[in-house]
Amino acid sequence: MNNYFFCYSTTLFHFLKANQQRYIVAGLHEKTLNKFWLFEKTPELSRFLDEYDARKSEALGNR
């Protein structure tokens, strides 16, 4: 499963979706029933995840 990224954050999901990243499937975690979206790991997805993390750190004031 190293070729896949499980996204459990609605905010991150919307960020990825706004950047034309397509998920493979959406589902519910078996035990917690939290919704997730499954993405294939690609260099482009990694770049957007890094960008999201940088923006999040910036917004939090680099705590």
PDB file of N, CA and C in Angstrom:
ATOM      1  N   MET A   1       0.808  -1.201   0.000  1.00  0.00           N
ATOM      2  CA  MET A   1       0.000   0.000   0.000  1.00  0.00           C
ATOM      3  C   MET A   1       0.856   1.273   0.000  1.00  0.00           C
ATOM      4  N   ASN A   2       2.157   1.176  -0.192  1.00  0.00           N
ATOM      5  CA  ASN A   2       3.014   2.353  -0.222  1.00  0.00           C
ATOM      6  C   ASN A   2       2.774   3.245  -1.428  1.00  0.00           C
ATOM      7  N   ASN A   3       2.055   2.764  -2.417  1.00  0.00           N
ATOM      8  CA  ASN A   3       1.784   3.560  -3.609  1.00  0.00           C
ATOM      9  C   ASN A   3       0.518   4.394  -3.476  1.00  0.00           C
ATOM     10  N   TYR A   4      -0.062   4.398  -2.278  1.00  0.00           N
ATOM     11  CA  TYR A   4      -1.327   5.084  -2.075  1.00  0.00           C
ATOM     12  C   TYR A   4      -1.267   6.004  -0.870  1.00  0.00           C
ATOM     13  N   PHE A   5      -2.046   7.065  -0.921  1.00  0.00           N
ATOM     14  CA  PHE A   5      -2.127   8.030   0.175  1.00  0.00           C
ATOM     15  C   PHE A   5      -3.568   8.086   0.657  1.00  0.00           C
ATOM     16  N   PHE A   6      -3.770   7.796   1.929  1.00  0.00           N
ATOM     17  CA  PHE A   6      -5.089   7.883   2.554  1.00  0.00           C
ATOM     18  C   PHE A   6      -5.242   9.286   3.136  1.00  0.00           C
ATOM     19  N   CYS A   7      -6.236  10.001   2.685  1.00  0.00           N
ATOM     20  CA  CYS A   7      -6.502  11.358   3.164  1.00  0.00           C
ATOM     21  C   CYS A   7      -7.727  11.312   4.068  1.00  0.00           C
ATOM     22  N   TYR A   8      -7.545  11.685   5.335  1.00  0.00           N
ATOM     23  CA  TYR A   8      -8.650  11.723   6.296  1.00  0.00           C
ATOM     24  C   TYR A   8      -9.067  13.155   6.634  1.00  0.00           C
ATOM     25  N   SER A   9      -8.415  14.122   6.007  1.00  0.00           N
ATOM     26  CA  SER A   9      -8.695  15.535   6.276  1.00  0.00           C
ATOM     27  C   SER A   9      -9.582  16.115   5.183  1.00  0.00           C
ATOM     28  N   THR A  10     -10.738  16.636   5.583  1.00  0.00           N
ATOM     29  CA  THR A  10     -11.638  17.266   4.611  1.00  0.00           C
ATOM     30  C   THR A  10     -10.983  18.497   3.998  1.00  0.00           C
ATOM     31  N   THR A  11     -10.272  19.261   4.812  1.00  0.00           N
ATOM     32  CA  THR A  11      -9.596  20.455   4.321  1.00  0.00           C
ATOM     33  C   THR A  11      -8.543  20.092   3.282  1.00  0.00           C
ATOM     34  N   LEU A  12      -7.736  19.090   3.573  1.00  0.00           N
ATOM     35  CA  LEU A  12      -6.714  18.641   2.617  1.00  0.00           C
ATOM     36  C   LEU A  12      -7.371  18.090   1.364  1.00  0.00           C
ATOM     37  N   PHE A  13      -8.437  17.336   1.523  1.00  0.00           N
ATOM     38  CA  PHE A  13      -9.145  16.789   0.366  1.00  0.00           C
ATOM     39  C   PHE A  13      -9.586  17.909  -0.571  1.00  0.00           C
ATOM     40  N   HIS A  14     -10.185  18.964  -0.013  1.00  0.00           N
ATOM     41  CA  HIS A  14     -10.650  20.075  -0.843  1.00  0.00           C
ATOM     42  C   HIS A  14      -9.484  20.801  -1.519  1.00  0.00           C
ATOM     43  N   PHE A  15      -8.358  20.914  -0.825  1.00  0.00           N
ATOM     44  CA  PHE A  15      -7.162  21.515  -1.417  1.00  0.00           C
ATOM     45  C   PHE A  15      -6.680  20.683  -2.607  1.00  0.00           C
ATOM     46  N   LEU A  16      -6.615  19.370  -2.422  1.00  0.00           N
ATOM     47  CA  LEU A  16      -6.168  18.497  -3.510  1.00  0.00           C
ATOM     48  C   LEU A  16      -7.151  18.526  -4.678  1.00  0.00           C
ATOM     49  N   LYS A  17      -8.421  18.515  -4.366  1.00  0.00           N
ATOM     50  CA  LYS A  17      -9.449  18.552  -5.402  1.00  0.00           C
ATOM     51  C   LYS A  17      -9.362  19.861  -6.194  1.00  0.00           C
ATOM     52  N   ALA A  18      -9.130  20.976  -5.502  1.00  0.00           N
ATOM     53  CA  ALA A  18      -9.000  22.276  -6.168  1.00  0.00           C
ATOM     54  C   ALA A  18      -7.795  22.315  -7.092  1.00  0.00           C
ATOM     55  N   ASN A  19      -6.829  21.447  -6.830  1.00  0.00           N
ATOM     56  CA  ASN A  19      -5.628  21.362  -7.661  1.00  0.00           C
ATOM     57  C   ASN A  19      -5.681  20.182  -8.631  1.00  0.00           C
ATOM     58  N   GLN A  20      -6.891  19.792  -8.987  1.00  0.00           N
ATOM     59  CA  GLN A  20      -7.172  18.768  -9.998  1.00  0.00           C
ATOM     60  C   GLN A  20      -6.584  17.392  -9.677  1.00  0.00           C
ATOM     61  N   GLN A  21      -6.433  17.086  -8.396  1.00  0.00           N
ATOM     62  CA  GLN A  21      -5.992  15.753  -8.014  1.00  0.00           C
ATOM     63  C   GLN A  21      -7.224  14.871  -7.866  1.00  0.00           C
ATOM     64  N   ARG A  22      -7.191  13.734  -8.498  1.00  0.00           N
ATOM     65  CA  ARG A  22      -8.351  12.839  -8.476  1.00  0.00           C
ATOM     66  C   ARG A  22      -8.103  11.683  -7.512  1.00  0.00           C
ATOM     67  N   TYR A  23      -9.100  11.392  -6.725  1.00  0.00           N
ATOM     68  CA  TYR A  23      -8.996  10.262  -5.805  1.00  0.00           C
ATOM     69  C   TYR A  23      -9.500   9.003  -6.493  1.00  0.00           C
ATOM     70  N   ILE A  24      -9.038   7.867  -5.993  1.00  0.00           N
ATOM     71  CA  ILE A  24      -9.407   6.580  -6.564  1.00  0.00           C
ATOM     72  C   ILE A  24     -10.750   6.123  -6.022  1.00  0.00           C
ATOM     73  N   VAL A  25     -10.885   6.248  -4.710  1.00  0.00           N
ATOM     74  CA  VAL A  25     -12.101   5.788  -4.049  1.00  0.00           C
ATOM     75  C   VAL A  25     -12.257   6.547  -2.730  1.00  0.00           C
ATOM     76  N   ALA A  26     -13.492   6.697  -2.295  1.00  0.00           N
ATOM     77  CA  ALA A  26     -13.782   7.247  -0.972  1.00  0.00           C
ATOM     78  C   ALA A  26     -14.426   6.141  -0.162  1.00  0.00           C
ATOM     79  N   GLY A  27     -14.208   6.177   1.137  1.00  0.00           N
ATOM     80  CA  GLY A  27     -14.788   5.141   1.988  1.00  0.00           C
ATOM     81  C   GLY A  27     -14.800   5.567   3.435  1.00  0.00           C
ATOM     82  N   LEU A  28     -15.177   4.632   4.285  1.00  0.00           N
ATOM     83  CA  LEU A  28     -15.193   4.855   5.725  1.00  0.00           C
ATOM     84  C   LEU A  28     -14.220   3.899   6.384  1.00  0.00           C
ATOM     85  N   HIS A  29     -13.450   4.416   7.335  1.00  0.00           N
ATOM     86  CA  HIS A  29     -12.534   3.577   8.096  1.00  0.00           C
ATOM     87  C   HIS A  29     -13.359   2.523   8.839  1.00  0.00           C
ATOM     88  N   GLU A  30     -12.907   1.315   8.816  1.00  0.00           N
ATOM     89  CA  GLU A  30     -13.667   0.186   9.367  1.00  0.00           C
ATOM     90  C   GLU A  30     -14.024   0.350  10.849  1.00  0.00           C
ATOM     91  N   LYS A  31     -13.083   0.870  11.645  1.00  0.00           N
ATOM     92  CA  LYS A  31     -13.329   0.967  13.086  1.00  0.00           C
ATOM     93  C   LYS A  31     -13.859   2.329  13.516  1.00  0.00           C
ATOM     94  N   THR A  32     -13.304   3.399  12.953  1.00  0.00           N
ATOM     95  CA  THR A  32     -13.674   4.739  13.403  1.00  0.00           C
ATOM     96  C   THR A  32     -14.839   5.344  12.620  1.00  0.00           C
ATOM     97  N   LEU A  33     -15.101   4.791  11.464  1.00  0.00           N
ATOM     98  CA  LEU A  33     -16.123   5.298  10.540  1.00  0.00           C
ATOM     99  C   LEU A  33     -15.821   6.704  10.031  1.00  0.00           C
ATOM    100  N   ASN A  34     -14.539   7.128  10.152  1.00  0.00           N
ATOM    101  CA  ASN A  34     -14.127   8.405   9.581  1.00  0.00           C
ATOM    102  C   ASN A  34     -14.020   8.255   8.069  1.00  0.00           C
ATOM    103  N   LYS A  35     -14.483   9.271   7.339  1.00  0.00           N
ATOM    104  CA  LYS A  35     -14.413   9.235   5.883  1.00  0.00           C
ATOM    105  C   LYS A  35     -12.964   9.430   5.437  1.00  0.00           C
ATOM    106  N   PHE A  36     -12.584   8.741   4.362  1.00  0.00           N
ATOM    107  CA  PHE A  36     -11.265   8.932   3.769  1.00  0.00           C
ATOM    108  C   PHE A  36     -11.384   8.924   2.259  1.00  0.00           C
ATOM    109  N   TRP A  37     -10.341   9.490   1.626  1.00  0.00           N
ATOM    110  CA  TRP A  37     -10.209   9.471   0.180  1.00  0.00           C
ATOM    111  C   TRP A  37      -8.849   8.862  -0.120  1.00  0.00           C
ATOM    112  N   LEU A  38      -8.800   7.965  -1.074  1.00  0.00           N
ATOM    113  CA  LEU A  38      -7.572   7.261  -1.432  1.00  0.00           C
ATOM    114  C   LEU A  38      -7.025   7.839  -2.729  1.00  0.00           C
ATOM    115  N   PHE A  39      -5.780   8.299  -2.687  1.00  0.00           N
ATOM    116  CA  PHE A  39      -5.105   8.863  -3.846  1.00  0.00           C
ATOM    117  C   PHE A  39      -3.907   7.978  -4.207  1.00  0.00           C
ATOM    118  N   GLU A  40      -3.600   7.921  -5.487  1.00  0.00           N
ATOM    119  CA  GLU A  40      -2.370   7.265  -5.918  1.00  0.00           C
ATOM    120  C   GLU A  40      -1.228   8.240  -5.689  1.00  0.00           C
ATOM    121  N   LYS A  41      -0.125   7.757  -5.102  1.00  0.00           N
ATOM    122  CA  LYS A  41       1.031   8.613  -4.871  1.00  0.00           C
ATOM    123  C   LYS A  41       1.730   8.878  -6.198  1.00  0.00           C
ATOM    124  N   THR A  42       1.878  10.150  -6.491  1.00  0.00           N
ATOM    125  CA  THR A  42       2.595  10.591  -7.686  1.00  0.00           C
ATOM    126  C   THR A  42       3.504  11.746  -7.282  1.00  0.00           C
ATOM    127  N   PRO A  43       4.478  12.076  -8.112  1.00  0.00           N
ATOM    128  CA  PRO A  43       5.307  13.254  -7.794  1.00  0.00           C
ATOM    129  C   PRO A  43       4.473  14.529  -7.668  1.00  0.00           C
ATOM    130  N   GLU A  44       3.446  14.663  -8.504  1.00  0.00           N
ATOM    131  CA  GLU A  44       2.585  15.842  -8.448  1.00  0.00           C
ATOM    132  C   GLU A  44       1.814  15.890  -7.122  1.00  0.00           C
ATOM    133  N   LEU A  45       1.273  14.748  -6.693  1.00  0.00           N
ATOM    134  CA  LEU A  45       0.564  14.700  -5.408  1.00  0.00           C
ATOM    135  C   LEU A  45       1.523  15.062  -4.275  1.00  0.00           C
ATOM    136  N   SER A  46       2.726  14.538  -4.306  1.00  0.00           N
ATOM    137  CA  SER A  46       3.724  14.845  -3.269  1.00  0.00           C
ATOM    138  C   SER A  46       4.017  16.336  -3.215  1.00  0.00           C
ATOM    139  N   ARG A  47       4.094  16.962  -4.375  1.00  0.00           N
ATOM    140  CA  ARG A  47       4.348  18.405  -4.440  1.00  0.00           C
ATOM    141  C   ARG A  47       3.207  19.174  -3.783  1.00  0.00           C
ATOM    142  N   PHE A  48       1.963  18.766  -4.058  1.00  0.00           N
ATOM    143  CA  PHE A  48       0.819  19.442  -3.445  1.00  0.00           C
ATOM    144  C   PHE A  48       0.756  19.182  -1.941  1.00  0.00           C
ATOM    145  N   LEU A  49       1.118  18.004  -1.498  1.00  0.00           N
ATOM    146  CA  LEU A  49       1.144  17.721  -0.054  1.00  0.00           C
ATOM    147  C   LEU A  49       2.187  18.586   0.641  1.00  0.00           C
ATOM    148  N   ASP A  50       3.350  18.746   0.007  1.00  0.00           N
ATOM    149  CA  ASP A  50       4.395  19.620   0.564  1.00  0.00           C
ATOM    150  C   ASP A  50       3.910  21.065   0.622  1.00  0.00           C
ATOM    151  N   GLU A  51       3.233  21.504  -0.441  1.00  0.00           N
ATOM    152  CA  GLU A  51       2.704  22.869  -0.479  1.00  0.00           C
ATOM    153  C   GLU A  51       1.660  23.069   0.621  1.00  0.00           C
ATOM    154  N   TYR A  52       0.785  22.098   0.803  1.00  0.00           N
ATOM    155  CA  TYR A  52      -0.248  22.172   1.842  1.00  0.00           C
ATOM    156  C   TYR A  52       0.405  22.267   3.226  1.00  0.00           C
ATOM    157  N   ASP A  53       1.405  21.417   3.470  1.00  0.00           N
ATOM    158  CA  ASP A  53       2.105  21.450   4.762  1.00  0.00           C
ATOM    159  C   ASP A  53       2.775  22.800   5.001  1.00  0.00           C
ATOM    160  N   ALA A  54       3.385  23.352   3.956  1.00  0.00           N
ATOM    161  CA  ALA A  54       4.055  24.649   4.089  1.00  0.00           C
ATOM    162  C   ALA A  54       3.042  25.746   4.403  1.00  0.00           C
ATOM    163  N   ARG A  55       1.917  25.733   3.714  1.00  0.00           N
ATOM    164  CA  ARG A  55       0.875  26.736   3.975  1.00  0.00           C
ATOM    165  C   ARG A  55       0.308  26.586   5.381  1.00  0.00           C
ATOM    166  N   LYS A  56       0.126  25.345   5.814  1.00  0.00           N
ATOM    167  CA  LYS A  56      -0.410  25.085   7.147  1.00  0.00           C
ATOM    168  C   LYS A  56       0.563  25.580   8.217  1.00  0.00           C
ATOM    169  N   SER A  57       1.846  25.306   8.031  1.00  0.00           N
ATOM    170  CA  SER A  57       2.869  25.773   8.982  1.00  0.00           C
ATOM    171  C   SER A  57       2.919  27.287   9.023  1.00  0.00           C
ATOM    172  N   GLU A  58       2.805  27.894   7.849  1.00  0.00           N
ATOM    173  CA  GLU A  58       2.815  29.348   7.750  1.00  0.00           C
ATOM    174  C   GLU A  58       1.617  29.947   8.488  1.00  0.00           C
ATOM    175  N   ALA A  59       0.460  29.353   8.308  1.00  0.00           N
ATOM    176  CA  ALA A  59      -0.762  29.837   8.953  1.00  0.00           C
ATOM    177  C   ALA A  59      -0.698  29.692  10.469  1.00  0.00           C
ATOM    178  N   LEU A  60       0.013  28.669  10.929  1.00  0.00           N
ATOM    179  CA  LEU A  60       0.119  28.436  12.373  1.00  0.00           C
ATOM    180  C   LEU A  60       1.285  29.221  12.987  1.00  0.00           C
ATOM    181  N   GLY A  61       1.977  29.975  12.175  1.00  0.00           N
ATOM    182  CA  GLY A  61       3.092  30.762  12.684  1.00  0.00           C
ATOM    183  C   GLY A  61       4.315  29.929  12.989  1.00  0.00           C
ATOM    184  N   ASN A  62       4.494  28.813  12.268  1.00  0.00           N
ATOM    185  CA  ASN A  62       5.661  27.929  12.433  1.00  0.00           C
ATOM    186  C   ASN A  62       5.864  27.487  13.868  1.00  0.00           C
ATOM    187  N   ARG A  63       4.794  27.084  14.515  1.00  0.00           N
ATOM    188  CA  ARG A  63       4.863  26.637  15.924  1.00  0.00           C
ATOM    189  C   ARG A  63       5.764  25.465  16.094  1.00  0.00           C
TER     190      ARG A  63
END
